Amino acid sequence: MIKIKLAAPVMTAAALLLVLSGCATDPDQGAATTPGATAESSAPDKLAQVMADHDLDDMPAVELIDHLDRLGGSDRPTELMASVRPGELVLTADDEESTLSIPEDRFYLSLAPYIESTHECFHHSLTTCQGELAAQDVVVEVLDDTNDTVLVDDTLTTFDNGFVGLWLPRNIEGTIRVSYDGKSGEVDFTTYDDAPTCLTTLRMA
């Protein structure tokens, strides 16, 4: 169930779609975290109804992030904004907002490697962000430079939104390398409390 609180001024639908991605780029945007990993509600309201309509209301934060990030096009719940922050998932519908806690030892980084076109992004939007390479096989290597370990070394398929979702340890610094169709690129990342959850600057050439 979903606990609801009134949010500060909310973007209009038109404003959300002004940019290609609709991604949140302001690192200071945030909301207080609601304890617990599942959403709760005590009365019918817009956000609770949207979540119920899309069978999302009983999902924990991690499962909800994994589910929403894989959707593309018309499969996305257009009435819902879902923004991933370092420690929480912020859900918004109309002027109602709720937050779900992400486990303290996990950090979700959504990566959209590109060749020709990209967009600015800081907090990944699960329901509006769109990358260039949708449903493509890319070779991804994630290096944890803090602990000198390899976290990922595999061929992954980008979601329909052009992103690859990576669950990483908190409070590390590292490097991501991606190869695709004879092209490659790399970019640094961190998983601190002030780090972006949306990485759209990895250009392959």
N, C-alpha and C. Protein backbone atom coordinates (compact mmCIF):
# COMPACT_ATOMS: atom_id res chain seq x y z
N MET A 1 0.84 -1.20 0.00
CA MET A 1 0.00 0.00 0.00
C MET A 1 0.87 1.24 0.00
N ILE A 2 0.33 2.39 -0.39
CA ILE A 2 1.13 3.60 -0.62
C ILE A 2 0.82 4.70 0.38
N LYS A 3 1.82 5.22 1.06
CA LYS A 3 1.67 6.41 1.88
C LYS A 3 1.84 7.63 1.00
N ILE A 4 0.91 8.56 1.07
CA ILE A 4 0.90 9.71 0.18
C ILE A 4 1.16 10.98 0.95
N LYS A 5 1.89 11.91 0.34
CA LYS A 5 2.05 13.24 0.90
C LYS A 5 1.98 14.23 -0.23
N LEU A 6 1.53 15.45 0.07
CA LEU A 6 1.49 16.49 -0.94
C LEU A 6 2.89 16.92 -1.27
N ALA A 7 3.19 17.03 -2.55
CA ALA A 7 4.54 17.43 -2.96
C ALA A 7 4.59 18.92 -3.15
N ALA A 8 5.82 19.44 -3.21
CA ALA A 8 6.04 20.82 -3.63
C ALA A 8 5.60 20.92 -5.07
N PRO A 9 5.58 22.11 -5.71
CA PRO A 9 5.05 22.26 -7.07
C PRO A 9 5.55 21.18 -8.00
N VAL A 10 4.62 20.58 -8.73
CA VAL A 10 4.94 19.47 -9.62
C VAL A 10 4.94 19.95 -11.05
N MET A 11 5.86 19.39 -11.87
CA MET A 11 5.93 19.75 -13.27
C MET A 11 4.63 19.38 -13.98
N THR A 12 4.25 20.15 -14.96
CA THR A 12 3.13 19.78 -15.81
C THR A 12 3.58 18.70 -16.76
N ALA A 13 2.61 18.00 -17.36
CA ALA A 13 2.97 16.94 -18.31
C ALA A 13 3.75 17.51 -19.48
N ALA A 14 3.40 18.72 -19.92
CA ALA A 14 4.11 19.33 -21.05
C ALA A 14 5.55 19.59 -20.69
N ALA A 15 5.80 20.06 -19.48
CA ALA A 15 7.18 20.35 -19.08
C ALA A 15 7.99 19.08 -19.01
N LEU A 16 7.36 17.98 -18.59
CA LEU A 16 8.08 16.74 -18.46
C LEU A 16 8.56 16.21 -19.81
N LEU A 17 7.84 16.58 -20.87
CA LEU A 17 8.16 16.04 -22.18
C LEU A 17 8.94 17.02 -23.05
N LEU A 18 9.39 18.12 -22.49
CA LEU A 18 10.10 19.12 -23.27
C LEU A 18 11.41 18.60 -23.83
N VAL A 19 12.12 17.77 -23.05
CA VAL A 19 13.38 17.23 -23.52
C VAL A 19 13.17 15.81 -24.00
N LEU A 20 14.15 15.31 -24.74
CA LEU A 20 14.06 13.98 -25.30
C LEU A 20 13.83 12.94 -24.22
N SER A 21 14.52 13.08 -23.10
CA SER A 21 14.49 12.04 -22.09
C SER A 21 13.42 12.24 -21.05
N GLY A 22 13.12 13.49 -20.72
CA GLY A 22 12.27 13.75 -19.58
C GLY A 22 12.97 13.44 -18.28
N CYS A 23 14.30 13.22 -18.31
CA CYS A 23 15.03 12.83 -17.12
C CYS A 23 15.20 14.00 -16.18
N ALA A 24 15.32 13.70 -14.89
CA ALA A 24 15.61 14.73 -13.89
C ALA A 24 17.08 15.07 -13.95
N THR A 25 17.42 16.36 -14.09
CA THR A 25 18.80 16.76 -14.19
C THR A 25 19.27 17.53 -12.97
N ASP A 26 18.36 17.84 -12.04
CA ASP A 26 18.70 18.63 -10.87
C ASP A 26 19.09 17.73 -9.72
N PRO A 27 20.40 17.72 -9.30
CA PRO A 27 20.82 16.83 -8.24
C PRO A 27 20.23 17.18 -6.89
N ASP A 28 19.64 18.39 -6.73
CA ASP A 28 19.09 18.79 -5.45
C ASP A 28 17.62 18.45 -5.31
N GLN A 29 16.97 17.98 -6.39
CA GLN A 29 15.58 17.57 -6.28
C GLN A 29 15.51 16.38 -5.36
N GLY A 30 14.54 16.34 -4.45
CA GLY A 30 14.47 15.19 -3.57
C GLY A 30 13.22 15.23 -2.73
N ALA A 31 13.06 14.19 -1.95
CA ALA A 31 11.92 14.09 -1.05
C ALA A 31 12.33 13.28 0.14
N ALA A 32 11.66 13.49 1.26
CA ALA A 32 11.98 12.73 2.46
C ALA A 32 11.64 11.27 2.25
N THR A 33 12.49 10.40 2.74
CA THR A 33 12.30 8.97 2.54
C THR A 33 11.27 8.41 3.50
N THR A 34 10.32 7.65 2.97
CA THR A 34 9.34 6.97 3.79
C THR A 34 9.94 5.65 4.25
N PRO A 35 10.01 5.37 5.54
CA PRO A 35 10.61 4.12 6.00
C PRO A 35 9.92 2.91 5.36
N GLY A 36 10.72 1.87 5.14
CA GLY A 36 10.18 0.64 4.57
C GLY A 36 10.44 0.55 3.10
N ALA A 37 10.36 -0.63 2.55
CA ALA A 37 10.70 -0.86 1.16
C ALA A 37 9.50 -1.07 0.27
N THR A 38 8.28 -1.04 0.82
CA THR A 38 7.10 -1.16 -0.01
C THR A 38 6.20 0.03 0.22
N ALA A 39 5.37 0.35 -0.80
CA ALA A 39 4.49 1.50 -0.70
C ALA A 39 3.24 1.14 0.08
N GLU A 40 2.68 2.14 0.82
CA GLU A 40 1.50 1.91 1.62
C GLU A 40 0.50 3.03 1.42
N SER A 41 -0.80 2.74 1.63
CA SER A 41 -1.83 3.74 1.44
C SER A 41 -2.98 3.49 2.41
N SER A 42 -3.62 4.57 2.87
CA SER A 42 -4.75 4.42 3.77
C SER A 42 -6.05 4.93 3.17
N ALA A 43 -6.00 5.53 1.98
CA ALA A 43 -7.20 6.07 1.36
C ALA A 43 -7.04 6.10 -0.15
N PRO A 44 -8.15 5.98 -0.88
CA PRO A 44 -8.07 6.06 -2.34
C PRO A 44 -7.55 7.43 -2.78
N ASP A 45 -6.66 7.47 -3.74
CA ASP A 45 -6.11 8.71 -4.25
C ASP A 45 -5.50 8.43 -5.62
N LYS A 46 -5.04 9.48 -6.27
CA LYS A 46 -4.55 9.35 -7.64
C LYS A 46 -3.34 8.42 -7.73
N LEU A 47 -2.32 8.64 -6.89
CA LEU A 47 -1.11 7.83 -6.96
C LEU A 47 -1.40 6.37 -6.66
N ALA A 48 -2.17 6.12 -5.61
CA ALA A 48 -2.52 4.75 -5.26
C ALA A 48 -3.29 4.08 -6.39
N GLN A 49 -4.19 4.84 -7.05
CA GLN A 49 -4.97 4.28 -8.14
C GLN A 49 -4.10 3.94 -9.33
N VAL A 50 -3.15 4.83 -9.67
CA VAL A 50 -2.23 4.57 -10.78
C VAL A 50 -1.40 3.32 -10.50
N MET A 51 -0.88 3.22 -9.28
CA MET A 51 -0.07 2.06 -8.93
C MET A 51 -0.90 0.78 -9.02
N ALA A 52 -2.13 0.83 -8.53
CA ALA A 52 -2.99 -0.35 -8.57
C ALA A 52 -3.36 -0.72 -10.00
N ASP A 53 -3.65 0.29 -10.82
CA ASP A 53 -4.05 0.04 -12.21
C ASP A 53 -2.97 -0.70 -12.99
N HIS A 54 -1.69 -0.47 -12.62
CA HIS A 54 -0.58 -1.10 -13.33
C HIS A 54 0.05 -2.24 -12.54
N ASP A 55 -0.68 -2.72 -11.51
CA ASP A 55 -0.21 -3.84 -10.68
C ASP A 55 1.16 -3.58 -10.08
N LEU A 56 1.38 -2.35 -9.60
CA LEU A 56 2.67 -1.96 -9.04
C LEU A 56 2.61 -1.77 -7.53
N ASP A 57 1.43 -1.78 -6.94
CA ASP A 57 1.26 -1.33 -5.57
C ASP A 57 1.89 -2.23 -4.52
N ASP A 58 2.14 -3.49 -4.81
CA ASP A 58 2.72 -4.39 -3.81
C ASP A 58 4.20 -4.68 -4.06
N MET A 59 4.82 -3.98 -5.01
CA MET A 59 6.21 -4.25 -5.34
C MET A 59 7.17 -3.52 -4.40
N PRO A 60 8.21 -4.21 -3.89
CA PRO A 60 9.27 -3.52 -3.17
C PRO A 60 10.04 -2.60 -4.13
N ALA A 61 10.84 -1.70 -3.58
CA ALA A 61 11.54 -0.71 -4.39
C ALA A 61 12.43 -1.34 -5.46
N VAL A 62 13.22 -2.33 -5.07
CA VAL A 62 14.16 -2.95 -6.03
C VAL A 62 13.40 -3.61 -7.18
N GLU A 63 12.37 -4.36 -6.84
CA GLU A 63 11.57 -5.02 -7.88
C GLU A 63 10.87 -4.01 -8.77
N LEU A 64 10.38 -2.94 -8.19
CA LEU A 64 9.68 -1.91 -8.95
C LEU A 64 10.62 -1.21 -9.92
N ILE A 65 11.83 -0.89 -9.47
CA ILE A 65 12.83 -0.27 -10.35
C ILE A 65 13.17 -1.19 -11.51
N ASP A 66 13.45 -2.46 -11.20
CA ASP A 66 13.79 -3.42 -12.26
C ASP A 66 12.66 -3.57 -13.27
N HIS A 67 11.44 -3.56 -12.79
CA HIS A 67 10.28 -3.72 -13.68
C HIS A 67 10.08 -2.50 -14.58
N LEU A 68 10.04 -1.32 -13.98
CA LEU A 68 9.74 -0.10 -14.75
C LEU A 68 10.84 0.24 -15.75
N ASP A 69 12.11 -0.03 -15.39
CA ASP A 69 13.19 0.36 -16.29
C ASP A 69 13.21 -0.48 -17.56
N ARG A 70 12.57 -1.63 -17.54
CA ARG A 70 12.55 -2.49 -18.73
C ARG A 70 11.43 -2.14 -19.70
N LEU A 71 10.55 -1.26 -19.30
CA LEU A 71 9.42 -0.92 -20.15
C LEU A 71 9.80 0.16 -21.16
N GLY A 72 9.14 0.14 -22.28
CA GLY A 72 9.37 1.16 -23.30
C GLY A 72 8.08 1.53 -23.99
N GLY A 73 8.08 2.69 -24.63
CA GLY A 73 6.94 3.11 -25.43
C GLY A 73 5.63 3.11 -24.68
N SER A 74 4.62 2.51 -25.29
CA SER A 74 3.26 2.53 -24.73
C SER A 74 3.11 1.64 -23.50
N ASP A 75 4.11 0.82 -23.19
CA ASP A 75 4.04 -0.02 -22.01
C ASP A 75 4.28 0.77 -20.73
N ARG A 76 4.82 1.97 -20.86
CA ARG A 76 5.10 2.77 -19.68
C ARG A 76 3.82 3.40 -19.11
N PRO A 77 3.69 3.46 -17.79
CA PRO A 77 2.55 4.16 -17.19
C PRO A 77 2.77 5.67 -17.28
N THR A 78 2.14 6.31 -18.25
CA THR A 78 2.40 7.72 -18.53
C THR A 78 1.92 8.65 -17.41
N GLU A 79 1.02 8.18 -16.55
CA GLU A 79 0.51 9.02 -15.46
C GLU A 79 1.47 9.06 -14.28
N LEU A 80 2.51 8.22 -14.33
CA LEU A 80 3.41 8.06 -13.19
C LEU A 80 4.81 8.57 -13.50
N MET A 81 5.38 9.36 -12.59
CA MET A 81 6.78 9.71 -12.63
C MET A 81 7.50 8.90 -11.57
N ALA A 82 8.59 8.22 -11.94
CA ALA A 82 9.34 7.40 -11.00
C ALA A 82 10.81 7.76 -11.14
N SER A 83 11.34 8.47 -10.16
CA SER A 83 12.69 9.01 -10.21
C SER A 83 13.59 8.27 -9.23
N VAL A 84 14.70 7.72 -9.73
CA VAL A 84 15.63 6.97 -8.88
C VAL A 84 16.66 7.92 -8.28
N ARG A 85 16.74 7.93 -6.96
CA ARG A 85 17.75 8.70 -6.23
C ARG A 85 18.73 7.72 -5.59
N PRO A 86 19.86 8.17 -5.07
CA PRO A 86 20.82 7.24 -4.48
C PRO A 86 20.25 6.36 -3.37
N GLY A 87 19.31 6.86 -2.57
CA GLY A 87 18.79 6.06 -1.47
C GLY A 87 17.31 5.80 -1.50
N GLU A 88 16.64 6.24 -2.58
CA GLU A 88 15.18 6.11 -2.60
C GLU A 88 14.62 6.18 -4.01
N LEU A 89 13.42 5.70 -4.15
CA LEU A 89 12.65 5.83 -5.38
C LEU A 89 11.50 6.78 -5.11
N VAL A 90 11.41 7.87 -5.88
CA VAL A 90 10.37 8.87 -5.68
C VAL A 90 9.28 8.65 -6.73
N LEU A 91 8.05 8.45 -6.25
CA LEU A 91 6.90 8.20 -7.12
C LEU A 91 5.96 9.39 -7.06
N THR A 92 5.52 9.87 -8.24
CA THR A 92 4.66 11.05 -8.30
C THR A 92 3.56 10.84 -9.32
N ALA A 93 2.34 11.21 -8.93
CA ALA A 93 1.21 11.27 -9.85
C ALA A 93 0.39 12.50 -9.48
N ASP A 94 0.17 13.39 -10.46
CA ASP A 94 -0.47 14.67 -10.19
C ASP A 94 0.31 15.39 -9.09
N ASP A 95 -0.34 15.78 -8.01
CA ASP A 95 0.35 16.51 -6.94
C ASP A 95 0.64 15.62 -5.73
N GLU A 96 0.60 14.31 -5.93
CA GLU A 96 0.83 13.37 -4.84
C GLU A 96 2.18 12.68 -5.02
N GLU A 97 2.88 12.49 -3.92
CA GLU A 97 4.23 11.93 -3.97
C GLU A 97 4.44 10.93 -2.85
N SER A 98 5.19 9.89 -3.14
CA SER A 98 5.55 8.89 -2.15
C SER A 98 6.98 8.45 -2.41
N THR A 99 7.67 7.98 -1.38
CA THR A 99 9.03 7.50 -1.56
C THR A 99 9.18 6.09 -1.00
N LEU A 100 10.00 5.29 -1.67
CA LEU A 100 10.34 3.95 -1.22
C LEU A 100 11.84 3.89 -0.98
N SER A 101 12.24 3.31 0.13
CA SER A 101 13.66 3.20 0.45
C SER A 101 14.33 2.12 -0.39
N ILE A 102 15.53 2.43 -0.87
CA ILE A 102 16.39 1.45 -1.53
C ILE A 102 17.35 0.90 -0.47
N PRO A 103 17.63 -0.40 -0.45
CA PRO A 103 18.56 -0.94 0.55
C PRO A 103 19.85 -0.14 0.64
N GLU A 104 20.33 0.06 1.86
CA GLU A 104 21.46 0.95 2.11
C GLU A 104 22.75 0.50 1.43
N ASP A 105 22.89 -0.79 1.13
CA ASP A 105 24.12 -1.28 0.53
C ASP A 105 24.06 -1.36 -0.99
N ARG A 106 22.95 -0.87 -1.59
CA ARG A 106 22.79 -1.00 -3.04
C ARG A 106 22.59 0.37 -3.69
N PHE A 107 23.11 0.49 -4.91
CA PHE A 107 23.00 1.73 -5.68
C PHE A 107 22.59 1.35 -7.09
N TYR A 108 21.54 1.99 -7.59
CA TYR A 108 21.07 1.68 -8.95
C TYR A 108 21.57 2.74 -9.92
N LEU A 109 22.38 2.30 -10.87
CA LEU A 109 22.90 3.19 -11.90
C LEU A 109 22.36 2.72 -13.25
N SER A 110 21.66 3.61 -13.94
CA SER A 110 21.11 3.28 -15.25
C SER A 110 21.98 3.94 -16.32
N LEU A 111 22.51 3.13 -17.21
CA LEU A 111 23.51 3.54 -18.19
C LEU A 111 22.95 3.49 -19.60
N ALA A 112 23.10 4.60 -20.34
CA ALA A 112 22.66 4.65 -21.74
C ALA A 112 23.86 5.00 -22.63
N PRO A 113 24.63 4.01 -23.06
CA PRO A 113 25.73 4.29 -23.99
C PRO A 113 25.17 4.79 -25.31
N TYR A 114 25.94 5.60 -26.03
CA TYR A 114 25.41 6.16 -27.28
C TYR A 114 26.52 6.32 -28.31
N ILE A 115 26.10 6.53 -29.55
CA ILE A 115 27.03 6.79 -30.66
C ILE A 115 26.80 8.18 -31.22
N GLU A 116 25.56 8.53 -31.51
CA GLU A 116 25.24 9.81 -32.15
C GLU A 116 24.52 10.81 -31.24
N SER A 117 23.56 10.35 -30.47
CA SER A 117 22.72 11.29 -29.72
C SER A 117 22.53 10.85 -28.28
N THR A 118 22.49 11.85 -27.38
CA THR A 118 22.25 11.57 -25.97
C THR A 118 21.48 12.73 -25.36
N HIS A 119 21.36 12.76 -24.06
CA HIS A 119 20.64 13.82 -23.37
C HIS A 119 21.23 14.01 -21.98
N GLU A 120 21.01 15.17 -21.39
CA GLU A 120 21.47 15.41 -20.02
C GLU A 120 20.55 14.68 -19.05
N CYS A 121 21.15 14.15 -18.00
CA CYS A 121 20.35 13.43 -17.02
C CYS A 121 21.14 13.32 -15.72
N PHE A 122 20.45 13.39 -14.60
CA PHE A 122 21.11 13.21 -13.30
C PHE A 122 20.39 12.13 -12.49
N HIS A 123 19.11 12.33 -12.23
CA HIS A 123 18.31 11.30 -11.56
C HIS A 123 17.49 10.56 -12.61
N HIS A 124 17.73 9.28 -12.73
CA HIS A 124 17.10 8.51 -13.79
C HIS A 124 15.58 8.43 -13.61
N SER A 125 14.86 8.76 -14.68
CA SER A 125 13.41 8.64 -14.70
C SER A 125 13.03 7.32 -15.37
N LEU A 126 12.42 6.45 -14.61
CA LEU A 126 12.07 5.13 -15.11
C LEU A 126 10.95 5.16 -16.13
N THR A 127 10.17 6.24 -16.16
CA THR A 127 9.00 6.28 -17.04
C THR A 127 9.13 7.27 -18.19
N THR A 128 10.24 8.03 -18.28
CA THR A 128 10.38 8.98 -19.39
C THR A 128 11.74 8.97 -20.07
N CYS A 129 12.81 8.53 -19.40
CA CYS A 129 14.14 8.55 -20.02
C CYS A 129 14.19 7.64 -21.25
N GLN A 130 14.86 8.11 -22.31
CA GLN A 130 15.00 7.30 -23.52
C GLN A 130 16.41 7.47 -24.08
N GLY A 131 17.12 6.36 -24.24
CA GLY A 131 18.44 6.36 -24.82
C GLY A 131 18.42 6.00 -26.29
N GLU A 132 19.57 6.11 -26.93
CA GLU A 132 19.68 5.89 -28.37
C GLU A 132 19.61 4.42 -28.77
N LEU A 133 20.26 3.55 -28.03
CA LEU A 133 20.41 2.16 -28.44
C LEU A 133 19.45 1.25 -27.67
N ALA A 134 18.28 1.06 -28.22
CA ALA A 134 17.26 0.22 -27.59
C ALA A 134 17.39 -1.22 -28.05
N ALA A 135 17.28 -2.16 -27.10
CA ALA A 135 17.27 -3.59 -27.39
C ALA A 135 18.49 -4.02 -28.21
N GLN A 136 19.66 -3.58 -27.78
CA GLN A 136 20.91 -3.92 -28.46
C GLN A 136 21.85 -4.65 -27.50
N ASP A 137 22.60 -5.61 -28.02
CA ASP A 137 23.59 -6.32 -27.21
C ASP A 137 24.88 -5.50 -27.12
N VAL A 138 25.29 -5.20 -25.91
CA VAL A 138 26.52 -4.43 -25.69
C VAL A 138 27.38 -5.18 -24.68
N VAL A 139 28.68 -5.08 -24.84
CA VAL A 139 29.62 -5.69 -23.90
C VAL A 139 29.94 -4.66 -22.82
N VAL A 140 29.65 -5.01 -21.57
CA VAL A 140 29.79 -4.07 -20.46
C VAL A 140 30.81 -4.61 -19.46
N GLU A 141 31.76 -3.75 -19.10
CA GLU A 141 32.72 -4.06 -18.04
C GLU A 141 32.64 -2.97 -16.99
N VAL A 142 32.39 -3.35 -15.75
CA VAL A 142 32.31 -2.40 -14.64
C VAL A 142 33.43 -2.71 -13.66
N LEU A 143 34.32 -1.76 -13.46
CA LEU A 143 35.47 -1.93 -12.57
C LEU A 143 35.26 -1.12 -11.30
N ASP A 144 35.42 -1.78 -10.16
CA ASP A 144 35.39 -1.13 -8.86
C ASP A 144 36.82 -0.72 -8.53
N ASP A 145 37.15 0.55 -8.78
CA ASP A 145 38.51 1.02 -8.54
C ASP A 145 38.80 1.16 -7.04
N THR A 146 37.77 1.32 -6.23
CA THR A 146 37.97 1.45 -4.78
C THR A 146 38.51 0.16 -4.18
N ASN A 147 38.00 -0.97 -4.65
CA ASN A 147 38.40 -2.27 -4.10
C ASN A 147 39.17 -3.12 -5.10
N ASP A 148 39.50 -2.53 -6.27
CA ASP A 148 40.27 -3.22 -7.30
C ASP A 148 39.65 -4.56 -7.68
N THR A 149 38.35 -4.50 -8.02
CA THR A 149 37.65 -5.71 -8.43
C THR A 149 36.83 -5.45 -9.69
N VAL A 150 36.49 -6.52 -10.39
CA VAL A 150 35.62 -6.44 -11.56
C VAL A 150 34.22 -6.83 -11.12
N LEU A 151 33.27 -5.91 -11.26
CA LEU A 151 31.89 -6.16 -10.84
C LEU A 151 31.05 -6.79 -11.94
N VAL A 152 31.29 -6.36 -13.18
CA VAL A 152 30.54 -6.87 -14.32
C VAL A 152 31.49 -7.04 -15.49
N ASP A 153 31.39 -8.15 -16.19
CA ASP A 153 32.13 -8.38 -17.43
C ASP A 153 31.29 -9.33 -18.27
N ASP A 154 30.36 -8.74 -19.05
CA ASP A 154 29.35 -9.58 -19.68
C ASP A 154 28.72 -8.85 -20.87
N THR A 155 28.06 -9.60 -21.72
CA THR A 155 27.25 -9.02 -22.79
C THR A 155 25.83 -8.83 -22.26
N LEU A 156 25.37 -7.60 -22.27
CA LEU A 156 24.04 -7.27 -21.75
C LEU A 156 23.19 -6.68 -22.87
N THR A 157 21.90 -6.85 -22.77
CA THR A 157 20.98 -6.28 -23.76
C THR A 157 20.34 -5.03 -23.18
N THR A 158 20.45 -3.92 -23.88
CA THR A 158 19.82 -2.69 -23.40
C THR A 158 18.30 -2.87 -23.39
N PHE A 159 17.66 -2.20 -22.43
CA PHE A 159 16.20 -2.26 -22.35
C PHE A 159 15.57 -1.51 -23.52
N ASP A 160 14.26 -1.58 -23.62
CA ASP A 160 13.55 -0.86 -24.68
C ASP A 160 13.73 0.65 -24.57
N ASN A 161 14.13 1.13 -23.39
CA ASN A 161 14.39 2.57 -23.24
C ASN A 161 15.84 2.94 -23.54
N GLY A 162 16.64 1.98 -24.00
CA GLY A 162 18.02 2.27 -24.38
C GLY A 162 19.01 2.23 -23.23
N PHE A 163 18.57 1.83 -22.04
CA PHE A 163 19.42 1.81 -20.86
C PHE A 163 19.76 0.39 -20.43
N VAL A 164 20.86 0.28 -19.70
CA VAL A 164 21.22 -0.95 -18.98
C VAL A 164 21.18 -0.61 -17.50
N GLY A 165 20.48 -1.41 -16.70
CA GLY A 165 20.39 -1.16 -15.27
C GLY A 165 21.45 -1.94 -14.51
N LEU A 166 22.20 -1.24 -13.66
CA LEU A 166 23.29 -1.86 -12.91
C LEU A 166 23.07 -1.66 -11.41
N TRP A 167 22.94 -2.75 -10.67
CA TRP A 167 22.91 -2.67 -9.21
C TRP A 167 24.34 -2.81 -8.70
N LEU A 168 24.83 -1.77 -8.04
CA LEU A 168 26.23 -1.70 -7.64
C LEU A 168 26.35 -1.48 -6.14
N PRO A 169 27.53 -1.77 -5.57
CA PRO A 169 27.74 -1.47 -4.15
C PRO A 169 27.75 0.05 -3.92
N ARG A 170 27.36 0.46 -2.72
CA ARG A 170 27.40 1.87 -2.36
C ARG A 170 28.83 2.31 -2.05
N ASN A 171 29.05 3.63 -2.20
CA ASN A 171 30.29 4.30 -1.77
C ASN A 171 31.56 3.75 -2.43
N ILE A 172 31.49 3.59 -3.74
CA ILE A 172 32.68 3.21 -4.49
C ILE A 172 32.90 4.18 -5.65
N GLU A 173 34.11 4.13 -6.20
CA GLU A 173 34.45 4.83 -7.43
C GLU A 173 34.90 3.79 -8.44
N GLY A 174 34.59 4.02 -9.71
CA GLY A 174 34.96 3.03 -10.69
C GLY A 174 34.93 3.52 -12.12
N THR A 175 35.04 2.57 -13.03
CA THR A 175 35.07 2.85 -14.46
C THR A 175 34.14 1.87 -15.17
N ILE A 176 33.40 2.39 -16.13
CA ILE A 176 32.56 1.54 -16.97
C ILE A 176 33.07 1.60 -18.40
N ARG A 177 33.25 0.45 -19.02
CA ARG A 177 33.65 0.35 -20.42
C ARG A 177 32.58 -0.40 -21.18
N VAL A 178 32.24 0.11 -22.35
CA VAL A 178 31.20 -0.52 -23.18
C VAL A 178 31.70 -0.65 -24.61
N SER A 179 31.42 -1.79 -25.23
CA SER A 179 31.76 -2.02 -26.63
C SER A 179 30.50 -2.44 -27.39
N TYR A 180 30.40 -1.94 -28.63
CA TYR A 180 29.22 -2.27 -29.44
C TYR A 180 29.54 -2.02 -30.91
N ASP A 181 29.33 -3.03 -31.76
CA ASP A 181 29.46 -2.89 -33.21
C ASP A 181 30.80 -2.29 -33.61
N GLY A 182 31.87 -2.76 -33.00
CA GLY A 182 33.21 -2.29 -33.36
C GLY A 182 33.60 -0.97 -32.72
N LYS A 183 32.73 -0.40 -31.93
CA LYS A 183 33.00 0.88 -31.26
C LYS A 183 33.09 0.64 -29.75
N SER A 184 33.78 1.54 -29.05
CA SER A 184 33.91 1.38 -27.61
C SER A 184 34.10 2.74 -26.95
N GLY A 185 33.86 2.77 -25.65
CA GLY A 185 34.06 3.99 -24.87
C GLY A 185 34.06 3.65 -23.40
N GLU A 186 34.46 4.61 -22.57
CA GLU A 186 34.46 4.39 -21.12
C GLU A 186 34.17 5.69 -20.39
N VAL A 187 33.74 5.56 -19.15
CA VAL A 187 33.39 6.72 -18.34
C VAL A 187 33.57 6.35 -16.87
N ASP A 188 33.95 7.32 -16.06
CA ASP A 188 34.07 7.10 -14.62
C ASP A 188 32.71 7.25 -13.95
N PHE A 189 32.57 6.64 -12.77
CA PHE A 189 31.33 6.77 -12.00
C PHE A 189 31.63 6.68 -10.52
N THR A 190 30.67 7.11 -9.69
CA THR A 190 30.73 6.90 -8.25
C THR A 190 29.35 6.46 -7.78
N THR A 191 29.29 5.93 -6.57
CA THR A 191 27.99 5.54 -6.00
C THR A 191 27.81 6.15 -4.61
N TYR A 192 28.26 7.39 -4.46
CA TYR A 192 28.09 8.11 -3.21
C TYR A 192 26.67 8.70 -3.12
N ASP A 193 26.37 9.32 -1.98
CA ASP A 193 25.04 9.88 -1.76
C ASP A 193 24.69 11.01 -2.73
N ASP A 194 25.72 11.69 -3.27
CA ASP A 194 25.47 12.81 -4.18
C ASP A 194 25.71 12.43 -5.64
N ALA A 195 25.82 11.14 -5.93
CA ALA A 195 26.13 10.68 -7.29
C ALA A 195 24.89 10.61 -8.15
N PRO A 196 25.04 10.81 -9.45
CA PRO A 196 23.90 10.63 -10.37
C PRO A 196 23.51 9.17 -10.48
N THR A 197 22.24 8.92 -10.71
CA THR A 197 21.76 7.56 -10.96
C THR A 197 21.51 7.32 -12.44
N CYS A 198 21.78 8.33 -13.24
CA CYS A 198 21.55 8.26 -14.69
C CYS A 198 22.87 8.64 -15.38
N LEU A 199 23.39 7.74 -16.19
CA LEU A 199 24.68 7.98 -16.84
C LEU A 199 24.48 7.97 -18.35
N THR A 200 24.57 9.14 -18.97
CA THR A 200 24.29 9.27 -20.41
C THR A 200 25.48 9.88 -21.16
N THR A 201 26.68 9.82 -20.57
CA THR A 201 27.84 10.49 -21.17
C THR A 201 28.86 9.52 -21.75
N LEU A 202 28.51 8.24 -21.83
CA LEU A 202 29.44 7.25 -22.38
C LEU A 202 29.25 7.15 -23.90
N ARG A 203 30.12 7.82 -24.62
CA ARG A 203 30.06 7.81 -26.09
C ARG A 203 31.01 6.77 -26.64
N MET A 204 30.52 5.98 -27.58
CA MET A 204 31.34 4.96 -28.21
C MET A 204 31.77 5.42 -29.60
N ALA A 205 33.04 5.26 -29.90
CA ALA A 205 33.58 5.70 -31.20
C ALA A 205 34.59 4.69 -31.71
